[in-house]
């Protein structure tokens, strides 16, 4: 089931977006936002787990481990926020901008 999950998401987007590129971009961005939030949660959980298990083994290294944990946690958050911003840009930017042809201005008659 887990191996088929990306294929099912792709098939869902493909079926729902037949002929509608804007919807395909929005649906893909929404899936990407969800996956990035899940990735942030998993990353922060692993960072906290590693830091706490290290502090339990060597309590004298608590300050160093806590500083490292906060720095790496900030980097994970920053990467996740960047992913969310890119997904929001994908949702709100028109993938097919309409090009408006300039209208012809009447040429004024020469004056004598």
C-alpha atoms as a PDB file:
ATOM      1  CA  UNK A   1       0.000   0.000   0.000  1.00  0.00           C
ATOM      2  CA  UNK A   2       2.756   2.458   0.911  1.00  0.00           C
ATOM      3  CA  UNK A   3       4.570   1.886  -2.371  1.00  0.00           C
ATOM      4  CA  UNK A   4       1.421   2.672  -4.306  1.00  0.00           C
ATOM      5  CA  UNK A   5       0.665   5.915  -2.454  1.00  0.00           C
ATOM      6  CA  UNK A   6       2.665   8.265  -4.752  1.00  0.00           C
ATOM      7  CA  UNK A   7       1.202   6.531  -7.792  1.00  0.00           C
ATOM      8  CA  UNK A   8      -2.309   6.980  -6.418  1.00  0.00           C
ATOM      9  CA  UNK A   9      -1.696  10.690  -5.763  1.00  0.00           C
ATOM     10  CA  UNK A  10      -0.320  11.116  -9.271  1.00  0.00           C
ATOM     11  CA  UNK A  11      -3.273   9.290 -10.786  1.00  0.00           C
ATOM     12  CA  UNK A  12      -5.702  11.407  -8.759  1.00  0.00           C
ATOM     13  CA  UNK A  13      -4.109  14.632  -9.959  1.00  0.00           C
ATOM     14  CA  UNK A  14      -4.025  13.360 -13.541  1.00  0.00           C
ATOM     15  CA  UNK A  15      -7.685  12.320 -13.528  1.00  0.00           C
ATOM     16  CA  UNK A  16      -8.903  15.531 -11.901  1.00  0.00           C
ATOM     17  CA  UNK A  17      -6.840  17.839 -14.061  1.00  0.00           C
ATOM     18  CA  UNK A  18      -7.580  16.611 -17.559  1.00  0.00           C
ATOM     19  CA  UNK A  19      -7.356  19.738 -19.679  1.00  0.00           C
ATOM     20  CA  UNK A  20      -6.944  22.064 -16.710  1.00  0.00           C
ATOM     21  CA  UNK A  21      -3.304  22.915 -16.088  1.00  0.00           C
ATOM     22  CA  UNK A  22      -4.092  25.481 -13.406  1.00  0.00           C
ATOM     23  CA  UNK A  23      -5.898  22.894 -11.302  1.00  0.00           C
ATOM     24  CA  UNK A  24      -3.060  20.403 -11.770  1.00  0.00           C
ATOM     25  CA  UNK A  25      -0.570  22.972 -10.482  1.00  0.00           C
ATOM     26  CA  UNK A  26      -2.750  23.816  -7.494  1.00  0.00           C
ATOM     27  CA  UNK A  27      -3.422  20.180  -6.609  1.00  0.00           C
ATOM     28  CA  UNK A  28       0.252  19.302  -6.878  1.00  0.00           C
ATOM     29  CA  UNK A  29       1.187  22.289  -4.723  1.00  0.00           C
ATOM     30  CA  UNK A  30      -1.355  21.286  -2.095  1.00  0.00           C
ATOM     31  CA  UNK A  31       0.081  17.771  -1.966  1.00  0.00           C
ATOM     32  CA  UNK A  32       3.572  19.269  -1.773  1.00  0.00           C
ATOM     33  CA  UNK A  33       2.554  21.498   1.142  1.00  0.00           C
ATOM     34  CA  UNK A  34       1.217  18.510   3.043  1.00  0.00           C
ATOM     35  CA  UNK A  35       4.341  16.480   2.401  1.00  0.00           C
ATOM     36  CA  UNK A  36       6.617  19.337   3.450  1.00  0.00           C
ATOM     37  CA  UNK A  37       4.732  19.740   6.745  1.00  0.00           C
ATOM     38  CA  UNK A  38       5.052  16.003   7.387  1.00  0.00           C
ATOM     39  CA  UNK A  39       8.769  16.193   6.566  1.00  0.00           C
ATOM     40  CA  UNK A  40       9.253  19.098   8.980  1.00  0.00           C
ATOM     41  CA  UNK A  41       7.544  17.149  11.754  1.00  0.00           C
ATOM     42  CA  UNK A  42       9.604  14.024  11.154  1.00  0.00           C
ATOM     43  CA  UNK A  43      12.834  16.013  10.969  1.00  0.00           C
ATOM     44  CA  UNK A  44      12.196  17.916  14.186  1.00  0.00           C
ATOM     45  CA  UNK A  45      11.184  14.716  15.955  1.00  0.00           C
ATOM     46  CA  UNK A  46      14.406  12.980  14.925  1.00  0.00           C
ATOM     47  CA  UNK A  47      16.467  15.994  16.006  1.00  0.00           C
ATOM     48  CA  UNK A  48      14.792  16.059  19.419  1.00  0.00           C
ATOM     49  CA  UNK A  49      15.157  12.299  19.836  1.00  0.00           C
ATOM     50  CA  UNK A  50      18.861  12.399  19.001  1.00  0.00           C
ATOM     51  CA  UNK A  51      19.551  15.336  21.293  1.00  0.00           C
ATOM     52  CA  UNK A  52      17.629  13.882  24.226  1.00  0.00           C
ATOM     53  CA  UNK A  53      19.252  10.471  23.907  1.00  0.00           C
ATOM     54  CA  UNK A  54      22.674  12.157  23.730  1.00  0.00           C
ATOM     55  CA  UNK A  55      21.883  14.226  26.824  1.00  0.00           C
ATOM     56  CA  UNK A  56      20.773  11.083  28.659  1.00  0.00           C
ATOM     57  CA  UNK A  57      24.071   9.363  27.849  1.00  0.00           C
ATOM     58  CA  UNK A  58      26.304  12.351  28.626  1.00  0.00           C
ATOM     59  CA  UNK A  59      24.602  14.941  30.851  1.00  0.00           C
ATOM     60  CA  UNK A  60      27.727  17.126  30.918  1.00  0.00           C
ATOM     61  CA  UNK A  61      27.324  17.781  27.158  1.00  0.00           C
ATOM     62  CA  UNK A  62      23.810  19.182  27.583  1.00  0.00           C
ATOM     63  CA  UNK A  63      24.697  22.765  26.622  1.00  0.00           C
ATOM     64  CA  UNK A  64      26.570  21.763  23.459  1.00  0.00           C
ATOM     65  CA  UNK A  65      23.887  19.310  22.385  1.00  0.00           C
ATOM     66  CA  UNK A  66      21.108  21.796  23.035  1.00  0.00           C
ATOM     67  CA  UNK A  67      22.860  24.482  20.973  1.00  0.00           C
ATOM     68  CA  UNK A  68      23.427  22.062  18.099  1.00  0.00           C
ATOM     69  CA  UNK A  69      19.827  20.874  18.320  1.00  0.00           C
ATOM     70  CA  UNK A  70      18.483  24.423  18.090  1.00  0.00           C
ATOM     71  CA  UNK A  71      20.718  25.312  15.122  1.00  0.00           C
ATOM     72  CA  UNK A  72      19.794  22.208  13.151  1.00  0.00           C
ATOM     73  CA  UNK A  73      16.126  22.619  14.104  1.00  0.00           C
ATOM     74  CA  UNK A  74      16.214  26.158  12.724  1.00  0.00           C
ATOM     75  CA  UNK A  75      17.730  24.910   9.470  1.00  0.00           C
ATOM     76  CA  UNK A  76      15.015  22.253   9.142  1.00  0.00           C
ATOM     77  CA  UNK A  77      12.319  24.848   9.816  1.00  0.00           C
ATOM     78  CA  UNK A  78      13.880  27.219   7.272  1.00  0.00           C
ATOM     79  CA  UNK A  79      13.939  24.556   4.569  1.00  0.00           C
ATOM     80  CA  UNK A  80      10.342  23.650   5.364  1.00  0.00           C
ATOM     81  CA  UNK A  81       9.179  27.258   5.254  1.00  0.00           C
ATOM     82  CA  UNK A  82      10.934  27.689   1.908  1.00  0.00           C
ATOM     83  CA  UNK A  83       9.091  24.625   0.591  1.00  0.00           C
ATOM     84  CA  UNK A  84       5.767  26.040   1.820  1.00  0.00           C
ATOM     85  CA  UNK A  85       6.480  29.408   0.172  1.00  0.00           C
ATOM     86  CA  UNK A  86       7.280  27.723  -3.136  1.00  0.00           C
ATOM     87  CA  UNK A  87       4.057  25.717  -2.931  1.00  0.00           C
ATOM     88  CA  UNK A  88       2.051  28.878  -2.225  1.00  0.00           C
ATOM     89  CA  UNK A  89       3.713  30.606  -5.180  1.00  0.00           C
ATOM     90  CA  UNK A  90       2.708  27.649  -7.332  1.00  0.00           C
ATOM     91  CA  UNK A  91      -0.882  27.962  -6.149  1.00  0.00           C
ATOM     92  CA  UNK A  92      -1.288  31.717  -6.582  1.00  0.00           C
ATOM     93  CA  UNK A  93       0.794  32.390  -9.714  1.00  0.00           C
ATOM     94  CA  UNK A  94      -1.076  31.860 -12.957  1.00  0.00           C
ATOM     95  CA  UNK A  95       0.669  29.119 -14.968  1.00  0.00           C
ATOM     96  CA  UNK A  96      -0.840  30.384 -18.223  1.00  0.00           C
ATOM     97  CA  UNK A  97      -0.720  34.158 -18.175  1.00  0.00           C
ATOM     98  CA  UNK A  98      -2.952  35.818 -20.696  1.00  0.00           C
ATOM     99  CA  UNK A  99      -1.145  38.010 -23.163  1.00  0.00           C
ATOM    100  CA  UNK A 100      -3.048  41.104 -24.146  1.00  0.00           C
ATOM    101  CA  UNK A 101      -2.123  42.480 -27.534  1.00  0.00           C
ATOM    102  CA  UNK A 102      -1.562  46.228 -27.524  1.00  0.00           C
ATOM    103  CA  UNK A 103      -4.304  48.170 -29.188  1.00  0.00           C
ATOM    104  CA  UNK A 104      -3.422  50.234 -32.227  1.00  0.00           C
ATOM    105  CA  UNK A 105      -3.456  53.929 -31.555  1.00  0.00           C
ATOM    106  CA  UNK A 106      -4.875  56.139 -34.305  1.00  0.00           C
ATOM    107  CA  UNK A 107      -2.225  58.099 -36.114  1.00  0.00           C
ATOM    108  CA  UNK A 108      -2.976  61.795 -35.864  1.00  0.00           C
ATOM    109  CA  UNK A 109      -3.332  63.640 -39.144  1.00  0.00           C
ATOM    110  CA  UNK A 110      -0.368  65.845 -39.982  1.00  0.00           C
ATOM    111  CA  UNK A 111      -1.029  69.480 -39.356  1.00  0.00           C
ATOM    112  CA  UNK A 112       0.201  72.218 -41.690  1.00  0.00           C
END
